[in-house]
Amino acid sequence: MTRIGLLSDTHGCFPKQIMEHFANVDEIWHAGDIGTTEVADKLEKMKPLRAVFGNIDGHELRVRYPEINHFTIENMSVYMTHIGGYPPKYNAIVKPQLSLHKPHLFICGHSHILKVIPDINLNLLHLNPGACGNAGWHKINTLMRFTVNDNRIQDLEIIEFERGKL
């Protein structure tokens, strides 16, 4: 059983709520648009970090993290990228990759819209944690916390807090 803290689109911000809400997780996953190496460093000091770079991330983050992070944890196959769409409107690059790799969990960010959508056609769960920074049109910052336990997502929590409270 592994507790996960999932976030995206920090855009260089590190709200104090991240430390509070991710204090008891085992790993942190960031679905891109980290923004600065300082944010990545802070996350890595907290817990082991799995991340992908996003469209606003510069060279330092692009060499540090992949565009696609495909891994297995607790017998669950995870496919994470920053821009991917959502069921059934995946982008043209991601859709064939999901069919090829057949992940149980597909994670992306970019939209700043929190989403939890099962895809019965591809037999996967799509998660987008929304946005946790101050850049963008969203009004509320969001995070997710959940447990991966023997190929299942359990105890999924949506966490919201006021934007701009650093």
Protein backbone atom coordinates (compact mmCIF):
# COMPACT_ATOMS: atom_id res chain seq x y z
CA MET A 1 0.00 0.00 0.00
CA THR A 2 1.44 3.36 -1.10
CA ARG A 3 -0.03 6.78 -0.28
CA ILE A 4 0.27 9.27 -3.15
CA GLY A 5 0.05 13.06 -3.26
CA LEU A 6 -0.79 14.26 -6.78
CA LEU A 7 -0.52 17.82 -8.06
CA SER A 8 0.02 19.77 -11.26
CA ASP A 9 0.48 23.25 -12.64
CA THR A 10 2.32 24.85 -9.75
CA HIS A 11 3.90 27.34 -12.21
CA GLY A 12 6.73 28.14 -9.80
CA CYS A 13 4.55 28.49 -6.68
CA PHE A 14 4.88 26.35 -3.59
CA PRO A 15 1.79 26.94 -1.42
CA LYS A 16 2.33 25.95 2.23
CA GLN A 17 -0.72 23.67 1.98
CA ILE A 18 1.35 21.22 -0.05
CA MET A 19 3.48 20.42 3.00
CA GLU A 20 0.44 20.09 5.21
CA HIS A 21 -1.60 17.86 2.92
CA PHE A 22 1.31 15.72 1.69
CA ALA A 23 2.96 15.20 5.10
CA ASN A 24 1.77 11.59 5.36
CA VAL A 25 2.14 10.43 1.76
CA ASP A 26 4.84 8.04 0.59
CA GLU A 27 5.40 9.63 -2.83
CA ILE A 28 4.53 12.87 -4.60
CA TRP A 29 3.58 12.87 -8.27
CA HIS A 30 3.65 16.11 -10.30
CA ALA A 31 1.88 16.16 -13.67
CA GLY A 32 3.87 19.02 -15.18
CA ASP A 33 4.21 22.78 -15.35
CA ILE A 34 6.38 22.70 -12.26
CA GLY A 35 7.72 26.12 -13.14
CA THR A 36 11.04 26.27 -11.30
CA THR A 37 13.75 23.95 -10.06
CA GLU A 38 13.18 25.42 -6.59
CA VAL A 39 9.66 23.94 -6.49
CA ALA A 40 11.00 20.57 -7.66
CA ASP A 41 13.77 20.70 -5.03
CA LYS A 42 11.26 21.40 -2.23
CA LEU A 43 9.04 18.52 -3.36
CA GLU A 44 12.02 16.15 -3.58
CA LYS A 45 13.10 17.10 -0.06
CA MET A 46 9.65 16.22 1.24
CA LYS A 47 9.16 12.79 -0.38
CA PRO A 48 10.26 10.77 -3.40
CA LEU A 49 9.04 12.63 -6.50
CA ARG A 50 7.82 11.27 -9.81
CA ALA A 51 7.23 14.07 -12.31
CA VAL A 52 6.91 15.04 -15.95
CA PHE A 53 7.79 18.36 -17.52
CA GLY A 54 5.05 20.62 -18.83
CA ASN A 55 4.81 23.11 -21.66
CA ILE A 56 6.01 26.06 -19.50
CA ASP A 57 8.95 24.20 -18.00
CA GLY A 58 12.40 25.29 -19.09
CA HIS A 59 15.53 23.35 -19.99
CA GLU A 60 16.56 22.58 -16.39
CA LEU A 61 13.29 20.77 -15.71
CA ARG A 62 13.14 19.13 -19.16
CA VAL A 63 16.48 17.42 -18.62
CA ARG A 64 15.53 16.44 -15.08
CA TYR A 65 12.11 14.91 -15.80
CA PRO A 66 10.68 13.08 -18.81
CA GLU A 67 7.76 14.18 -20.97
CA ILE A 68 6.12 10.81 -20.32
CA ASN A 69 6.54 8.83 -17.13
CA HIS A 70 5.27 5.28 -17.53
CA PHE A 71 5.81 3.15 -14.43
CA THR A 72 4.32 0.40 -12.29
CA ILE A 73 3.52 0.72 -8.59
CA GLU A 74 1.67 -1.82 -6.45
CA ASN A 75 0.90 -3.84 -9.60
CA MET A 76 -0.72 -0.77 -11.18
CA SER A 77 0.51 0.56 -14.51
CA VAL A 78 0.60 4.37 -14.57
CA TYR A 79 1.01 6.63 -17.62
CA MET A 80 1.65 10.28 -16.77
CA THR A 81 2.20 13.23 -19.11
CA HIS A 82 1.32 16.91 -18.94
CA ILE A 83 -0.90 17.40 -22.00
CA GLY A 84 -3.07 14.41 -22.78
CA GLY A 85 -6.76 15.23 -22.92
CA TYR A 86 -9.36 13.11 -21.17
CA PRO A 87 -11.80 10.30 -21.96
CA PRO A 88 -12.80 10.08 -24.75
CA LYS A 89 -11.08 13.27 -26.01
CA TYR A 90 -7.44 12.23 -25.74
CA ASN A 91 -4.94 14.12 -27.85
CA ALA A 92 -3.58 12.53 -31.03
CA ILE A 93 -0.24 11.59 -29.43
CA VAL A 94 -1.60 10.09 -26.21
CA LYS A 95 -4.52 8.04 -27.57
CA PRO A 96 -2.41 5.42 -29.42
CA GLN A 97 0.03 5.26 -26.49
CA LEU A 98 -2.79 4.42 -24.08
CA SER A 99 -3.97 1.67 -26.43
CA LEU A 100 -0.42 0.33 -26.74
CA HIS A 101 0.63 0.47 -23.07
CA LYS A 102 -2.80 -0.25 -21.51
CA PRO A 103 -2.22 1.58 -18.22
CA HIS A 104 -4.63 1.22 -15.32
CA LEU A 105 -4.18 4.90 -14.46
CA PHE A 106 -3.73 7.84 -16.86
CA ILE A 107 -2.65 11.14 -15.29
CA CYS A 108 -2.23 14.53 -16.91
CA GLY A 109 -2.46 18.19 -16.00
CA HIS A 110 -2.49 21.30 -18.21
CA SER A 111 -6.22 22.14 -18.21
CA HIS A 112 -6.29 23.47 -14.62
CA ILE A 113 -9.56 21.52 -14.31
CA LEU A 114 -9.70 18.74 -11.73
CA LYS A 115 -11.06 15.55 -13.28
CA VAL A 116 -11.69 11.98 -12.16
CA ILE A 117 -13.07 10.04 -15.12
CA PRO A 118 -13.25 6.28 -15.65
CA ASP A 119 -12.71 5.19 -19.25
CA ILE A 120 -14.60 1.92 -19.72
CA ASN A 121 -13.39 1.56 -23.32
CA LEU A 122 -9.70 1.57 -22.36
CA ASN A 123 -10.30 0.11 -18.88
CA LEU A 124 -8.45 2.88 -17.06
CA LEU A 125 -9.01 5.70 -14.61
CA HIS A 126 -8.11 9.24 -15.67
CA LEU A 127 -6.95 11.74 -13.04
CA ASN A 128 -6.17 15.41 -13.51
CA PRO A 129 -5.40 17.12 -10.19
CA GLY A 130 -6.27 20.59 -11.49
CA ALA A 131 -3.88 23.40 -10.63
CA CYS A 132 -1.90 24.28 -7.51
CA GLY A 133 -0.26 27.54 -8.50
CA ASN A 134 -1.19 31.16 -8.98
CA ALA A 135 -0.90 31.30 -12.78
CA GLY A 136 -3.96 30.60 -14.88
CA TRP A 137 -7.67 31.22 -14.80
CA HIS A 138 -8.63 28.84 -11.96
CA LYS A 139 -9.97 30.39 -8.75
CA ILE A 140 -9.32 27.52 -6.31
CA ASN A 141 -6.10 25.48 -5.97
CA THR A 142 -6.56 21.73 -5.96
CA LEU A 143 -4.56 18.63 -5.02
CA MET A 144 -5.37 14.93 -4.83
CA ARG A 145 -4.37 12.33 -2.30
CA PHE A 146 -5.03 8.59 -2.65
CA THR A 147 -3.73 5.13 -1.89
CA VAL A 148 -2.56 2.58 -4.45
CA ASN A 149 -3.15 -0.88 -3.06
CA ASP A 150 -2.69 -4.02 -5.17
CA ASN A 151 -3.76 -2.49 -8.47
CA ARG A 152 -6.57 -0.39 -6.95
CA ILE A 153 -7.03 3.28 -6.16
CA GLN A 154 -8.49 3.72 -2.68
CA ASP A 155 -9.35 6.63 -0.40
CA LEU A 156 -9.22 9.25 -3.15
CA GLU A 157 -9.41 12.72 -1.62
CA ILE A 158 -9.88 16.03 -3.39
CA ILE A 159 -8.26 18.92 -1.54
CA GLU A 160 -9.17 22.52 -2.31
CA PHE A 161 -7.73 25.74 -0.90
CA GLU A 162 -7.81 29.39 -1.73
CA ARG A 163 -5.50 30.52 -4.51
CA GLY A 164 -2.82 33.01 -3.62
CA LYS A 165 -2.34 31.84 -0.03
CA LEU A 166 1.39 31.16 -0.08
